[in-house]
Protein backbone atom coordinates (compact mmCIF):
# COMPACT_ATOMS: atom_id res chain seq x y z
CA MET A 1 -56.18 -11.20 -15.44
CA LEU A 2 -56.96 -7.48 -15.29
CA ARG A 3 -59.79 -7.97 -17.80
CA PHE A 4 -61.23 -10.69 -15.55
CA PHE A 5 -61.20 -8.32 -12.55
CA ARG A 6 -62.88 -5.58 -14.59
CA ILE A 7 -65.69 -7.95 -15.63
CA ILE A 8 -66.36 -8.98 -12.03
CA ARG A 9 -66.31 -5.37 -10.89
CA LYS A 10 -68.72 -4.37 -13.62
CA LYS A 11 -71.23 -7.16 -12.76
CA LEU A 12 -71.15 -6.23 -9.06
CA MET A 13 -71.83 -2.59 -9.85
CA GLU A 14 -74.64 -3.51 -12.24
CA GLN A 15 -76.21 -5.65 -9.53
CA ASN A 16 -75.84 -2.76 -7.03
CA LYS A 17 -74.03 -4.97 -4.60
CA VAL A 18 -71.97 -2.19 -3.02
CA ARG A 19 -70.81 -4.15 0.02
CA ARG A 20 -69.51 -6.99 -2.08
CA TYR A 21 -67.88 -4.50 -4.44
CA ILE A 22 -66.07 -2.79 -1.59
CA LEU A 23 -64.83 -6.13 -0.27
CA TYR A 24 -63.76 -7.08 -3.74
CA ALA A 25 -61.94 -3.76 -4.22
CA ILE A 26 -60.11 -4.23 -0.93
CA GLY A 27 -59.12 -7.74 -1.97
CA GLU A 28 -57.91 -6.49 -5.32
CA ILE A 29 -55.76 -3.80 -3.65
CA PHE A 30 -54.39 -6.40 -1.24
CA LEU A 31 -53.40 -8.67 -4.12
CA VAL A 32 -51.68 -5.77 -5.93
CA VAL A 33 -49.75 -4.81 -2.78
CA ILE A 34 -48.73 -8.43 -2.18
CA GLY A 35 -47.54 -8.64 -5.80
CA ILE A 36 -45.47 -5.47 -5.43
CA LEU A 37 -43.93 -6.69 -2.17
CA ILE A 38 -43.05 -10.04 -3.72
CA ALA A 39 -41.49 -8.29 -6.73
CA LEU A 40 -39.45 -6.03 -4.43
CA GLN A 41 -38.35 -9.01 -2.38
CA VAL A 42 -37.22 -10.89 -5.47
CA ASN A 43 -35.41 -7.79 -6.73
CA ASN A 44 -33.68 -7.31 -3.35
CA TRP A 45 -32.70 -10.96 -3.30
CA ASN A 46 -31.19 -10.66 -6.76
CA GLU A 47 -29.31 -7.48 -5.80
CA ASN A 48 -27.98 -9.08 -2.60
CA ARG A 49 -26.85 -12.13 -4.55
CA LYS A 50 -25.05 -9.93 -7.09
CA ASN A 51 -23.40 -7.90 -4.31
CA GLN A 52 -22.29 -11.05 -2.52
CA GLU A 53 -20.79 -12.43 -5.73
CA LYS A 54 -19.04 -9.10 -6.35
CA GLU A 55 -17.78 -8.99 -2.76
CA GLN A 56 -16.30 -12.49 -3.01
CA LYS A 57 -14.60 -11.65 -6.30
CA LEU A 58 -13.07 -8.47 -4.86
CA LEU A 59 -12.05 -10.22 -1.64
CA LYS A 60 -10.10 -12.84 -3.55
CA ALA A 61 -8.39 -10.17 -5.66
CA LEU A 62 -7.61 -8.13 -2.53
CA LEU A 63 -6.14 -11.15 -0.78
CA GLN A 64 -3.77 -11.79 -3.65
CA GLU A 65 -2.81 -8.11 -3.78
CA PHE A 66 -2.14 -7.73 -0.05
CA GLU A 67 -0.21 -10.99 0.19
CA SER A 68 1.99 -9.70 -2.63
CA ASN A 69 2.33 -6.33 -0.87
CA TRP A 70 3.37 -8.10 2.33
CA GLU A 71 6.21 -9.79 0.44
CA ILE A 72 7.23 -6.50 -1.19
CA LEU A 73 7.36 -4.79 2.21
CA ASN A 74 9.51 -7.59 3.65
CA LYS A 75 12.06 -7.04 0.88
CA VAL A 76 12.06 -3.29 1.54
CA ILE A 77 12.54 -3.91 5.28
CA THR A 78 15.49 -6.21 4.53
CA LEU A 79 17.05 -3.59 2.24
CA ASN A 80 16.57 -0.78 4.76
CA ASP A 81 18.11 -2.89 7.52
CA SER A 82 21.11 -3.62 5.30
CA ILE A 83 21.57 0.10 4.63
CA ILE A 84 21.43 0.84 8.37
CA GLN A 85 24.03 -1.84 9.20
CA LYS A 86 26.45 -0.65 6.48
CA SER A 87 25.95 2.97 7.55
CA LEU A 88 26.90 2.05 11.10
CA LYS A 89 29.99 0.27 9.78
CA LEU A 90 30.91 3.37 7.77
CA GLY A 91 30.50 5.33 11.00
CA ASP A 92 33.35 3.26 12.48
CA TYR A 93 35.70 5.11 10.12
CA THR A 94 34.63 8.68 10.94
CA GLY A 95 36.71 10.78 13.27
CA PRO A 96 39.67 13.19 13.40
CA ILE A 97 42.06 10.61 11.88
CA LEU A 98 41.10 7.93 9.36
CA PRO A 99 42.17 4.45 10.59
CA LYS A 100 45.33 3.27 8.78
CA SER A 101 43.83 -0.19 8.28
CA SER A 102 41.15 1.15 5.93
CA SER A 103 41.51 0.45 2.22
CA GLU A 104 40.11 2.38 -0.72
CA LYS A 105 38.33 -0.76 -2.01
CA GLU A 106 36.72 -1.51 1.35
CA LEU A 107 35.48 2.05 1.79
CA SER A 108 34.23 2.21 -1.82
CA ASP A 109 32.18 -0.96 -1.25
CA LEU A 110 30.74 0.54 1.94
CA MET A 111 29.80 3.71 0.07
CA VAL A 112 27.85 1.57 -2.41
CA GLY A 113 26.01 -0.20 0.42
CA VAL A 114 25.09 3.08 2.08
CA PHE A 115 24.40 5.47 -0.79
CA LYS A 116 23.54 3.48 -3.92
CA MET A 117 20.20 1.96 -2.90
CA GLU A 118 17.17 3.54 -1.28
CA ALA A 119 14.25 1.99 0.57
CA ARG A 120 11.00 2.72 -1.24
CA TYR A 121 7.79 0.81 -0.61
CA LEU A 122 5.84 0.60 -3.89
CA PRO A 123 2.91 -1.77 -3.35
CA ASN A 124 0.49 -3.11 -5.94
CA GLN A 125 -2.74 -1.10 -5.79
CA GLY A 126 -4.76 -2.11 -8.85
CA THR A 127 -7.60 -3.78 -6.94
CA ILE A 128 -7.82 -1.27 -4.10
CA GLU A 129 -7.84 1.66 -6.54
CA GLU A 130 -10.60 -0.04 -8.55
CA ILE A 131 -12.65 -0.43 -5.34
CA ILE A 132 -12.22 3.21 -4.33
CA ASN A 133 -12.66 4.74 -7.79
CA SER A 134 -15.74 2.66 -8.66
CA GLY A 135 -17.44 3.27 -5.31
CA SER A 136 -17.48 -0.47 -4.59
CA LEU A 137 -16.40 -0.12 -0.96
CA SER A 138 -20.01 -0.48 0.18
CA VAL A 139 -20.24 -4.08 -1.08
CA PHE A 140 -18.00 -5.24 1.79
CA SER A 141 -20.12 -6.42 4.69
CA ASP A 142 -17.33 -6.17 7.27
CA PRO A 143 -17.08 -2.58 8.66
CA ALA A 144 -13.55 -3.23 9.97
CA LEU A 145 -12.37 -4.16 6.47
CA ARG A 146 -14.08 -1.12 4.95
CA LYS A 147 -12.30 1.09 7.47
CA ALA A 148 -8.91 -0.54 6.79
CA ILE A 149 -9.29 -0.12 3.03
CA SER A 150 -10.35 3.52 3.43
CA ALA A 151 -7.24 4.25 5.53
CA TRP A 152 -4.81 2.47 3.20
CA GLN A 153 -3.89 5.48 1.04
CA SER A 154 -3.28 7.73 4.04
CA ASN A 155 -1.01 5.06 5.56
CA LEU A 156 1.02 4.93 2.36
CA GLU A 157 1.28 8.72 2.29
CA LEU A 158 2.86 8.72 5.75
CA ILE A 159 5.36 6.08 4.61
CA LYS A 160 6.18 8.05 1.47
CA ASN A 161 6.83 11.26 3.41
CA GLN A 162 9.26 9.53 5.77
CA GLU A 163 11.03 7.75 2.91
CA THR A 164 11.48 11.09 1.13
CA TYR A 165 13.01 12.58 4.27
CA VAL A 166 15.42 9.64 4.60
CA VAL A 167 16.53 9.93 0.96
CA LYS A 168 17.20 13.66 1.42
CA ARG A 169 19.44 12.88 4.41
CA ARG A 170 21.25 10.24 2.35
CA ASP A 171 21.83 12.63 -0.55
CA ILE A 172 23.39 15.22 1.76
CA GLY A 173 25.92 12.63 2.97
CA HIS A 174 26.60 11.47 -0.57
CA GLU A 175 27.45 15.02 -1.64
CA PHE A 176 30.48 14.94 0.69
CA PHE A 177 31.97 12.09 -1.34
CA LEU A 178 31.09 13.65 -4.71
CA LYS A 179 32.74 16.96 -3.73
CA ASN A 180 35.80 15.52 -2.00
CA GLY A 181 36.32 12.16 -3.71
CA ASN A 182 36.87 10.78 -7.20
CA PHE A 183 33.80 8.99 -8.50
CA ARG A 184 35.69 7.58 -11.50
CA ARG A 185 38.16 5.80 -9.24
CA HIS A 186 35.21 4.62 -7.19
CA LEU A 187 33.60 3.04 -10.28
CA ASP A 188 36.83 1.24 -11.11
CA LEU A 189 36.94 -0.36 -7.66
CA ILE A 190 33.39 -1.49 -6.96
CA ASP A 191 31.92 -4.76 -8.26
CA GLU A 192 28.79 -3.38 -9.94
CA SER A 193 29.70 -0.09 -11.59
CA LEU A 194 27.13 -0.45 -14.44
CA ILE A 195 29.69 0.96 -16.89
CA GLU A 196 33.23 -0.05 -17.84
CA THR A 197 35.84 2.62 -17.35
CA THR A 198 39.59 2.84 -17.45
CA PRO A 199 41.38 3.68 -14.18
CA SER A 200 41.61 7.35 -13.24
CA ARG A 201 45.04 8.98 -13.41
CA PHE A 202 44.26 10.98 -10.26
CA PRO A 203 45.60 9.74 -6.93
CA PRO A 204 43.55 7.27 -4.83
CA ASN A 205 40.57 8.50 -2.86
CA ASP A 206 41.76 9.45 0.60
CA PHE A 207 38.20 9.67 2.02
CA LYS A 208 39.21 12.76 4.00
CA PHE A 209 35.54 13.70 4.26
CA LEU A 210 35.25 10.92 6.87
CA GLU A 211 37.33 13.18 9.12
CA ASN A 212 34.76 15.96 8.71
CA GLN A 213 32.58 16.37 11.80
CA GLU A 214 29.65 17.65 9.72
CA PHE A 215 29.72 14.48 7.60
CA GLU A 216 29.64 12.34 10.74
CA SER A 217 26.66 14.31 12.04
CA GLN A 218 24.80 14.02 8.72
CA LEU A 219 25.59 10.30 8.50
CA TYR A 220 24.14 9.57 11.93
CA LEU A 221 21.08 11.71 11.28
CA PHE A 222 20.55 9.57 8.18
CA ILE A 223 20.95 6.41 10.29
CA VAL A 224 18.44 7.62 12.89
CA ALA A 225 15.94 8.62 10.20
CA SER A 226 16.33 5.19 8.55
CA LYS A 227 15.86 3.44 11.88
CA ASN A 228 12.76 5.52 12.57
CA LEU A 229 11.39 4.53 9.16
CA HIS A 230 12.15 0.91 10.04
CA GLN A 231 10.56 0.77 13.48
CA ASN A 232 7.79 3.35 13.43
CA PHE A 233 6.57 3.09 9.84
CA TYR A 234 7.47 -0.19 8.13
CA PHE A 235 6.74 -2.55 11.01
CA PRO A 236 3.38 -0.94 11.94
CA LEU A 237 2.43 -1.08 8.24
CA LYS A 238 3.39 -4.75 8.14
CA GLU A 239 1.04 -5.39 11.07
CA LYS A 240 -1.75 -3.49 9.29
CA ILE A 241 -1.27 -5.60 6.16
CA GLU A 242 -1.38 -8.80 8.21
CA SER A 243 -4.56 -7.58 9.92
CA ILE A 244 -6.18 -6.81 6.55
CA ILE A 245 -5.21 -10.25 5.24
CA ASP A 246 -6.84 -11.86 8.29
CA LEU A 247 -10.04 -9.83 7.76
CA ILE A 248 -10.18 -10.80 4.10
CA LYS A 249 -9.64 -14.50 4.80
CA LYS A 250 -12.40 -14.41 7.44
CA ASP A 251 -14.90 -13.03 4.90
CA ILE A 252 -14.07 -15.33 1.99
CA HIS A 253 -16.59 -18.18 1.69
């Protein structure tokens, strides 16, 4: 094709037909420009198609991940609520004189419910980390979804900080039992001790630390911190996850 154009150009110049040559040159430039524009358009179309395919693939993976994270958070919320309720029940026994109706077995079981478990939200993050680390956030066409994904890590950091504070409050309360009680007797009484042990030859736990005003104060600070985690961190995060799931579903074709 280029050889054909060169032959025509040469004949026009040999015939001294300048006007026709100029028109021809303009036409040749026009054809080249049109060719470049068409090539760019095809390239852009291919890139857009690839990005759309990548976006749909990531959206489907994100949907699965966030639906799983929603279920994980629900379990953590249930656990945290159980800890709060058992802590409040333990609070019924604090005061200057321990109620005579209390039994060592009952109080040991309550101690397990309050101090054995801790609420920790550990979501799956494989897809979202891949998106952030690979710089793939730009493939998402929805600005609201891009913003939500960008804020996800900072939301988790806030949750983690509050959970750490709650666990510290719990550990302070637990120390009262470890210093004033007999953990071996405790293991012999509870249902899930993890190890088998023979009964202690020391006298039964009297749970005198429940009569300590400082323990009562630390216990209720732990309850308030747990409730704050419940209401002001877990539930808002649950709403954010549900919002992200809705955005993802809206964008999946």
